[in-house]
Amino acid sequence: MERHSTKNMSHEDKEIGEVKVAKSAREGNCDLLLRLCALVLTLVATVVIGVDKQTTIVPIKFAESLPPLEVPVTAKWNYMSAYVVPLNLNAFIFSVSGQFNPTIHFGIWFFVVANGIACGYATSSLLITLAMGHKSKYLVTLVSMLDILMVALLFSSNGAALGVGVIAKLGNSHVRWNKVCNVFDKFCDQLAASCLISLLGSITFLLLVMLRLHSRRT
């Protein structure tokens, strides 16, 4: 009886072990897939905003007594007032808004840098996971902490970019910041698309964190 009972327990332990191995393999595959998706999404978001550029002719009025001067003005991620602004677009924003807005100078620059960092991290973590798997508990803990950091970084950068987008789309009459998306429509549309793609990347990193928490609880 004891030998039979021991044999049954051994068989059950073997089945439990096989189930755990299969579950670990599924979670590992999901982890790799999510990291690949995060890499692609953040890369695409960075590229889309990086190549976003539109040139249009706008009238700039320097004085009430003078007729407006029509000049070509280019909008690009590193030109816009939420980016790094050159003098030509500075003058345009001042002329159409009545007041230059230094408070949103940082927004899209932060967005581009954050997505670049997230893309680089997604690439590194994907390669590390492929090479090392989940053998090192310290490495798994470090990657989990960095995943949480990426969630915070991407959601905050998306918030900054969307805030700038709302001002560019609607303006702010209280501080005399007029909308500019009626002039740079293509530029704003591409910026919105980049924000949406980056938001999906943020959600992907959030799913990675949730997957790790689920695997620890079970």
C-alpha atoms as a PDB file:
ATOM      1  CA  MET A   1       0.000   0.000   0.000  1.00  0.00           C
ATOM      2  CA  GLU A   2       2.777   2.413   0.948  1.00  0.00           C
ATOM      3  CA  ARG A   3       4.644   1.620  -2.280  1.00  0.00           C
ATOM      4  CA  HIS A   4       1.456   2.171  -4.311  1.00  0.00           C
ATOM      5  CA  SER A   5       0.734   5.449  -2.489  1.00  0.00           C
ATOM      6  CA  THR A   6       4.305   6.629  -3.063  1.00  0.00           C
ATOM      7  CA  LYS A   7       4.001   5.776  -6.745  1.00  0.00           C
ATOM      8  CA  ASN A   8       0.747   7.770  -7.059  1.00  0.00           C
ATOM      9  CA  MET A   9       2.302  10.768  -5.303  1.00  0.00           C
ATOM     10  CA  SER A  10       5.303  10.592  -7.587  1.00  0.00           C
ATOM     11  CA  HIS A  11       3.022  10.516 -10.626  1.00  0.00           C
ATOM     12  CA  GLU A  12       1.019  13.503  -9.324  1.00  0.00           C
ATOM     13  CA  ASP A  13       4.197  15.464  -8.608  1.00  0.00           C
ATOM     14  CA  LYS A  14       5.371  14.751 -12.138  1.00  0.00           C
ATOM     15  CA  GLU A  15       2.087  16.003 -13.595  1.00  0.00           C
ATOM     16  CA  ILE A  16       2.217  19.143 -11.443  1.00  0.00           C
ATOM     17  CA  GLY A  17       5.775  19.736 -12.590  1.00  0.00           C
ATOM     18  CA  GLU A  18       4.786  19.357 -16.230  1.00  0.00           C
ATOM     19  CA  VAL A  19       1.897  21.797 -15.764  1.00  0.00           C
ATOM     20  CA  LYS A  20       4.237  24.340 -14.163  1.00  0.00           C
ATOM     21  CA  VAL A  21       6.752  23.976 -16.983  1.00  0.00           C
ATOM     22  CA  ALA A  22       4.029  24.411 -19.621  1.00  0.00           C
ATOM     23  CA  LYS A  23       2.640  27.445 -17.784  1.00  0.00           C
ATOM     24  CA  SER A  24       6.095  28.976 -17.461  1.00  0.00           C
ATOM     25  CA  ALA A  25       6.686  28.439 -21.180  1.00  0.00           C
ATOM     26  CA  ARG A  26       3.388  30.147 -22.064  1.00  0.00           C
ATOM     27  CA  GLU A  27       4.183  33.098 -19.826  1.00  0.00           C
ATOM     28  CA  GLY A  28       7.658  33.320 -21.326  1.00  0.00           C
ATOM     29  CA  ASN A  29       6.234  33.377 -24.844  1.00  0.00           C
ATOM     30  CA  CYS A  30       3.709  36.059 -23.861  1.00  0.00           C
ATOM     31  CA  ASP A  31       6.508  38.093 -22.301  1.00  0.00           C
ATOM     32  CA  LEU A  32       8.596  37.911 -25.477  1.00  0.00           C
ATOM     33  CA  LEU A  33       5.625  38.774 -27.680  1.00  0.00           C
ATOM     34  CA  LEU A  34       4.689  41.786 -25.550  1.00  0.00           C
ATOM     35  CA  ARG A  35       8.279  43.041 -25.532  1.00  0.00           C
ATOM     36  CA  LEU A  36       8.433  42.717 -29.299  1.00  0.00           C
ATOM     37  CA  CYS A  37       5.169  44.656 -29.608  1.00  0.00           C
ATOM     38  CA  ALA A  38       6.477  47.343 -27.244  1.00  0.00           C
ATOM     39  CA  LEU A  39       9.649  47.638 -29.315  1.00  0.00           C
ATOM     40  CA  VAL A  40       7.737  48.000 -32.589  1.00  0.00           C
ATOM     41  CA  LEU A  41       5.161  50.454 -31.209  1.00  0.00           C
ATOM     42  CA  THR A  42       7.653  52.788 -29.547  1.00  0.00           C
ATOM     43  CA  LEU A  43       9.933  52.636 -32.592  1.00  0.00           C
ATOM     44  CA  VAL A  44       7.070  53.491 -34.951  1.00  0.00           C
ATOM     45  CA  ALA A  45       5.904  56.313 -32.653  1.00  0.00           C
ATOM     46  CA  THR A  46       9.415  57.783 -32.614  1.00  0.00           C
ATOM     47  CA  VAL A  47       9.811  57.500 -36.388  1.00  0.00           C
ATOM     48  CA  VAL A  48       6.357  58.956 -37.120  1.00  0.00           C
ATOM     49  CA  ILE A  49       7.004  62.060 -35.013  1.00  0.00           C
ATOM     50  CA  GLY A  50      10.618  62.220 -36.178  1.00  0.00           C
ATOM     51  CA  VAL A  51       9.663  62.532 -39.861  1.00  0.00           C
ATOM     52  CA  ASP A  52       6.652  64.758 -39.136  1.00  0.00           C
ATOM     53  CA  LYS A  53       7.205  67.952 -41.108  1.00  0.00           C
ATOM     54  CA  GLN A  54       5.007  70.475 -42.879  1.00  0.00           C
ATOM     55  CA  THR A  55       5.843  73.725 -44.645  1.00  0.00           C
ATOM     56  CA  THR A  56       3.155  76.291 -45.355  1.00  0.00           C
ATOM     57  CA  ILE A  57       2.902  79.954 -46.293  1.00  0.00           C
ATOM     58  CA  VAL A  58       1.599  82.085 -43.447  1.00  0.00           C
ATOM     59  CA  PRO A  59       1.018  85.842 -43.139  1.00  0.00           C
ATOM     60  CA  ILE A  60       3.038  87.399 -40.337  1.00  0.00           C
ATOM     61  CA  LYS A  61       2.013  90.851 -39.209  1.00  0.00           C
ATOM     62  CA  PHE A  62       4.752  92.776 -37.439  1.00  0.00           C
ATOM     63  CA  ALA A  63       2.883  96.092 -37.139  1.00  0.00           C
ATOM     64  CA  GLU A  64      -0.680  97.330 -37.585  1.00  0.00           C
ATOM     65  CA  SER A  65       0.407  99.959 -40.106  1.00  0.00           C
ATOM     66  CA  LEU A  66       2.233  97.459 -42.304  1.00  0.00           C
ATOM     67  CA  PRO A  67       0.717  94.786 -44.540  1.00  0.00           C
ATOM     68  CA  PRO A  68       1.310  91.185 -43.460  1.00  0.00           C
ATOM     69  CA  LEU A  69       4.425  89.526 -44.767  1.00  0.00           C
ATOM     70  CA  GLU A  70       3.838  86.080 -46.253  1.00  0.00           C
ATOM     71  CA  VAL A  71       6.682  83.735 -45.416  1.00  0.00           C
ATOM     72  CA  PRO A  72       7.167  79.964 -45.586  1.00  0.00           C
ATOM     73  CA  VAL A  73       7.124  78.447 -42.109  1.00  0.00           C
ATOM     74  CA  THR A  74       8.100  74.867 -41.335  1.00  0.00           C
ATOM     75  CA  ALA A  75       6.665  72.870 -38.452  1.00  0.00           C
ATOM     76  CA  LYS A  76       8.729  69.953 -37.215  1.00  0.00           C
ATOM     77  CA  TRP A  77       8.960  68.110 -33.905  1.00  0.00           C
ATOM     78  CA  ASN A  78      12.143  69.993 -32.961  1.00  0.00           C
ATOM     79  CA  TYR A  79      10.736  73.330 -34.185  1.00  0.00           C
ATOM     80  CA  MET A  80       7.371  73.422 -32.442  1.00  0.00           C
ATOM     81  CA  SER A  81       6.834  75.375 -29.240  1.00  0.00           C
ATOM     82  CA  ALA A  82       6.619  72.142 -27.265  1.00  0.00           C
ATOM     83  CA  TYR A  83       9.853  71.078 -28.869  1.00  0.00           C
ATOM     84  CA  VAL A  84      13.047  73.013 -29.485  1.00  0.00           C
ATOM     85  CA  VAL A  85      11.926  76.183 -31.250  1.00  0.00           C
ATOM     86  CA  PRO A  86      13.926  78.072 -33.926  1.00  0.00           C
ATOM     87  CA  LEU A  87      13.427  81.747 -34.553  1.00  0.00           C
ATOM     88  CA  ASN A  88      11.255  81.415 -37.668  1.00  0.00           C
ATOM     89  CA  LEU A  89       8.524  79.424 -35.928  1.00  0.00           C
ATOM     90  CA  ASN A  90       8.988  81.431 -32.756  1.00  0.00           C
ATOM     91  CA  ALA A  91       8.009  84.515 -34.713  1.00  0.00           C
ATOM     92  CA  PHE A  92       5.043  82.713 -36.227  1.00  0.00           C
ATOM     93  CA  ILE A  93       3.744  81.438 -32.904  1.00  0.00           C
ATOM     94  CA  PHE A  94       4.197  84.866 -31.358  1.00  0.00           C
ATOM     95  CA  SER A  95       2.371  86.515 -34.242  1.00  0.00           C
ATOM     96  CA  VAL A  96      -0.613  84.151 -34.277  1.00  0.00           C
ATOM     97  CA  SER A  97      -0.796  83.711 -30.518  1.00  0.00           C
ATOM     98  CA  GLY A  98       0.068  87.176 -29.317  1.00  0.00           C
ATOM     99  CA  GLN A  99       2.252  85.669 -26.623  1.00  0.00           C
ATOM    100  CA  PHE A 100       5.021  83.097 -26.791  1.00  0.00           C
ATOM    101  CA  ASN A 101       4.420  80.007 -24.686  1.00  0.00           C
ATOM    102  CA  PRO A 102       7.600  78.830 -22.945  1.00  0.00           C
ATOM    103  CA  THR A 103       5.708  76.563 -20.529  1.00  0.00           C
ATOM    104  CA  ILE A 104       5.037  73.890 -23.166  1.00  0.00           C
ATOM    105  CA  HIS A 105       8.520  74.119 -24.680  1.00  0.00           C
ATOM    106  CA  PHE A 106       9.409  70.759 -23.145  1.00  0.00           C
ATOM    107  CA  GLY A 107       6.362  68.650 -24.081  1.00  0.00           C
ATOM    108  CA  ILE A 108       7.058  66.934 -27.389  1.00  0.00           C
ATOM    109  CA  TRP A 109      10.812  66.903 -26.891  1.00  0.00           C
ATOM    110  CA  PHE A 110      10.090  64.865 -23.764  1.00  0.00           C
ATOM    111  CA  PHE A 111       7.714  62.685 -25.799  1.00  0.00           C
ATOM    112  CA  VAL A 112      10.343  61.902 -28.456  1.00  0.00           C
ATOM    113  CA  VAL A 113      13.105  61.205 -25.932  1.00  0.00           C
ATOM    114  CA  ALA A 114      10.828  59.028 -23.770  1.00  0.00           C
ATOM    115  CA  ASN A 115       9.781  56.878 -26.721  1.00  0.00           C
ATOM    116  CA  GLY A 116      13.398  56.573 -27.832  1.00  0.00           C
ATOM    117  CA  ILE A 117      14.411  55.414 -24.355  1.00  0.00           C
ATOM    118  CA  ALA A 118      11.491  52.965 -24.192  1.00  0.00           C
ATOM    119  CA  CYS A 119      12.374  51.574 -27.621  1.00  0.00           C
ATOM    120  CA  GLY A 120      16.007  51.078 -26.605  1.00  0.00           C
ATOM    121  CA  TYR A 121      14.968  49.432 -23.356  1.00  0.00           C
ATOM    122  CA  ALA A 122      12.470  47.152 -25.127  1.00  0.00           C
ATOM    123  CA  THR A 123      15.236  46.015 -27.481  1.00  0.00           C
ATOM    124  CA  SER A 124      17.677  45.378 -24.630  1.00  0.00           C
ATOM    125  CA  SER A 125      15.161  43.569 -22.438  1.00  0.00           C
ATOM    126  CA  LEU A 126      14.026  41.430 -25.363  1.00  0.00           C
ATOM    127  CA  LEU A 127      17.606  40.350 -26.096  1.00  0.00           C
ATOM    128  CA  ILE A 128      18.304  39.707 -22.406  1.00  0.00           C
ATOM    129  CA  THR A 129      15.135  37.642 -22.039  1.00  0.00           C
ATOM    130  CA  LEU A 130      15.999  35.616 -25.134  1.00  0.00           C
ATOM    131  CA  ALA A 131      19.542  34.988 -23.899  1.00  0.00           C
ATOM    132  CA  MET A 132      18.969  34.484 -20.176  1.00  0.00           C
ATOM    133  CA  GLY A 133      15.317  33.547 -19.888  1.00  0.00           C
ATOM    134  CA  HIS A 134      14.108  33.728 -16.294  1.00  0.00           C
ATOM    135  CA  LYS A 135      17.061  31.950 -14.698  1.00  0.00           C
ATOM    136  CA  SER A 136      18.265  34.855 -12.584  1.00  0.00           C
ATOM    137  CA  LYS A 137      15.793  36.144  -9.988  1.00  0.00           C
ATOM    138  CA  TYR A 138      17.778  39.357  -9.606  1.00  0.00           C
ATOM    139  CA  LEU A 139      17.640  39.987 -13.341  1.00  0.00           C
ATOM    140  CA  VAL A 140      13.904  39.280 -13.433  1.00  0.00           C
ATOM    141  CA  THR A 141      13.358  41.715 -10.549  1.00  0.00           C
ATOM    142  CA  LEU A 142      15.464  44.389 -12.264  1.00  0.00           C
ATOM    143  CA  VAL A 143      13.588  43.984 -15.552  1.00  0.00           C
ATOM    144  CA  SER A 144      10.249  44.156 -13.722  1.00  0.00           C
ATOM    145  CA  MET A 145      11.267  47.400 -12.020  1.00  0.00           C
ATOM    146  CA  LEU A 146      12.399  48.882 -15.325  1.00  0.00           C
ATOM    147  CA  ASP A 147       9.098  47.825 -16.918  1.00  0.00           C
ATOM    148  CA  ILE A 148       7.257  49.851 -14.265  1.00  0.00           C
ATOM    149  CA  LEU A 149       9.588  52.784 -14.928  1.00  0.00           C
ATOM    150  CA  MET A 150       8.800  52.598 -18.659  1.00  0.00           C
ATOM    151  CA  VAL A 151       5.065  52.634 -17.904  1.00  0.00           C
ATOM    152  CA  ALA A 152       5.472  55.815 -15.850  1.00  0.00           C
ATOM    153  CA  LEU A 153       7.794  57.410 -18.416  1.00  0.00           C
ATOM    154  CA  LEU A 154       5.563  56.718 -21.414  1.00  0.00           C
ATOM    155  CA  PHE A 155       2.278  57.679 -19.775  1.00  0.00           C
ATOM    156  CA  SER A 156       3.765  60.951 -18.502  1.00  0.00           C
ATOM    157  CA  SER A 157       5.277  61.788 -21.902  1.00  0.00           C
ATOM    158  CA  ASN A 158       1.987  60.986 -23.622  1.00  0.00           C
ATOM    159  CA  GLY A 159       0.206  63.269 -21.188  1.00  0.00           C
ATOM    160  CA  ALA A 160       2.639  66.081 -21.953  1.00  0.00           C
ATOM    161  CA  ALA A 161       2.305  65.587 -25.711  1.00  0.00           C
ATOM    162  CA  LEU A 162      -1.488  65.400 -25.591  1.00  0.00           C
ATOM    163  CA  GLY A 163      -1.599  68.556 -23.488  1.00  0.00           C
ATOM    164  CA  VAL A 164       0.425  70.371 -26.121  1.00  0.00           C
ATOM    165  CA  GLY A 165      -1.799  68.902 -28.825  1.00  0.00           C
ATOM    166  CA  VAL A 166      -4.945  70.218 -27.151  1.00  0.00           C
ATOM    167  CA  ILE A 167      -3.477  73.717 -26.979  1.00  0.00           C
ATOM    168  CA  ALA A 168      -2.352  73.498 -30.618  1.00  0.00           C
ATOM    169  CA  LYS A 169      -5.802  72.266 -31.662  1.00  0.00           C
ATOM    170  CA  LEU A 170      -8.043  74.509 -29.545  1.00  0.00           C
ATOM    171  CA  GLY A 171      -5.781  77.282 -28.317  1.00  0.00           C
ATOM    172  CA  ASN A 172      -6.232  79.074 -24.999  1.00  0.00           C
ATOM    173  CA  SER A 173      -8.101  82.356 -25.118  1.00  0.00           C
ATOM    174  CA  HIS A 174      -7.281  83.231 -21.492  1.00  0.00           C
ATOM    175  CA  VAL A 175      -3.586  83.668 -22.282  1.00  0.00           C
ATOM    176  CA  ARG A 176      -4.065  84.566 -25.976  1.00  0.00           C
ATOM    177  CA  TRP A 177      -2.604  81.350 -27.392  1.00  0.00           C
ATOM    178  CA  ASN A 178      -4.428  80.822 -30.663  1.00  0.00           C
ATOM    179  CA  LYS A 179      -4.752  77.409 -32.278  1.00  0.00           C
ATOM    180  CA  VAL A 180      -2.145  76.452 -34.878  1.00  0.00           C
ATOM    181  CA  CYS A 181      -3.494  73.125 -36.150  1.00  0.00           C
ATOM    182  CA  ASN A 182      -5.724  75.005 -38.592  1.00  0.00           C
ATOM    183  CA  VAL A 183      -2.474  76.060 -40.284  1.00  0.00           C
ATOM    184  CA  PHE A 184      -0.395  72.899 -39.778  1.00  0.00           C
ATOM    185  CA  ASP A 185      -3.170  70.322 -40.187  1.00  0.00           C
ATOM    186  CA  LYS A 186      -1.029  67.494 -41.573  1.00  0.00           C
ATOM    187  CA  PHE A 187       1.594  68.032 -38.905  1.00  0.00           C
ATOM    188  CA  CYS A 188      -0.995  67.868 -36.114  1.00  0.00           C
ATOM    189  CA  ASP A 189      -2.658  64.763 -37.572  1.00  0.00           C
ATOM    190  CA  GLN A 190       0.671  62.946 -37.709  1.00  0.00           C
ATOM    191  CA  LEU A 191       1.461  64.068 -34.167  1.00  0.00           C
ATOM    192  CA  ALA A 192      -1.883  62.663 -32.986  1.00  0.00           C
ATOM    193  CA  ALA A 193      -1.149  59.353 -34.732  1.00  0.00           C
ATOM    194  CA  SER A 194       2.247  59.172 -33.037  1.00  0.00           C
ATOM    195  CA  CYS A 195       0.641  59.809 -29.635  1.00  0.00           C
ATOM    196  CA  LEU A 196      -1.898  57.044 -30.230  1.00  0.00           C
ATOM    197  CA  ILE A 197       0.816  54.550 -31.213  1.00  0.00           C
ATOM    198  CA  SER A 198       2.888  55.528 -28.183  1.00  0.00           C
ATOM    199  CA  LEU A 199      -0.158  55.094 -25.947  1.00  0.00           C
ATOM    200  CA  LEU A 200      -0.509  51.531 -27.242  1.00  0.00           C
ATOM    201  CA  GLY A 201       3.159  51.029 -26.377  1.00  0.00           C
ATOM    202  CA  SER A 202       2.458  52.301 -22.857  1.00  0.00           C
ATOM    203  CA  ILE A 203      -0.385  49.812 -22.487  1.00  0.00           C
ATOM    204  CA  THR A 204       1.903  47.027 -23.724  1.00  0.00           C
ATOM    205  CA  PHE A 205       4.434  47.779 -20.986  1.00  0.00           C
ATOM    206  CA  LEU A 206       1.571  47.875 -18.479  1.00  0.00           C
ATOM    207  CA  LEU A 207       0.510  44.403 -19.640  1.00  0.00           C
ATOM    208  CA  LEU A 208       4.090  43.214 -19.063  1.00  0.00           C
ATOM    209  CA  VAL A 209       3.915  44.441 -15.470  1.00  0.00           C
ATOM    210  CA  MET A 210       0.537  42.753 -14.958  1.00  0.00           C
ATOM    211  CA  LEU A 211       1.863  39.507 -16.464  1.00  0.00           C
ATOM    212  CA  ARG A 212       4.792  39.528 -14.051  1.00  0.00           C
ATOM    213  CA  LEU A 213       2.505  40.155 -11.069  1.00  0.00           C
ATOM    214  CA  HIS A 214       0.193  37.344 -12.168  1.00  0.00           C
ATOM    215  CA  SER A 215       3.066  34.885 -12.536  1.00  0.00           C
ATOM    216  CA  ARG A 216       4.323  35.707  -9.044  1.00  0.00           C
ATOM    217  CA  ARG A 217       0.906  35.219  -7.454  1.00  0.00           C
ATOM    218  CA  THR A 218       0.415  31.840  -9.087  1.00  0.00           C
END
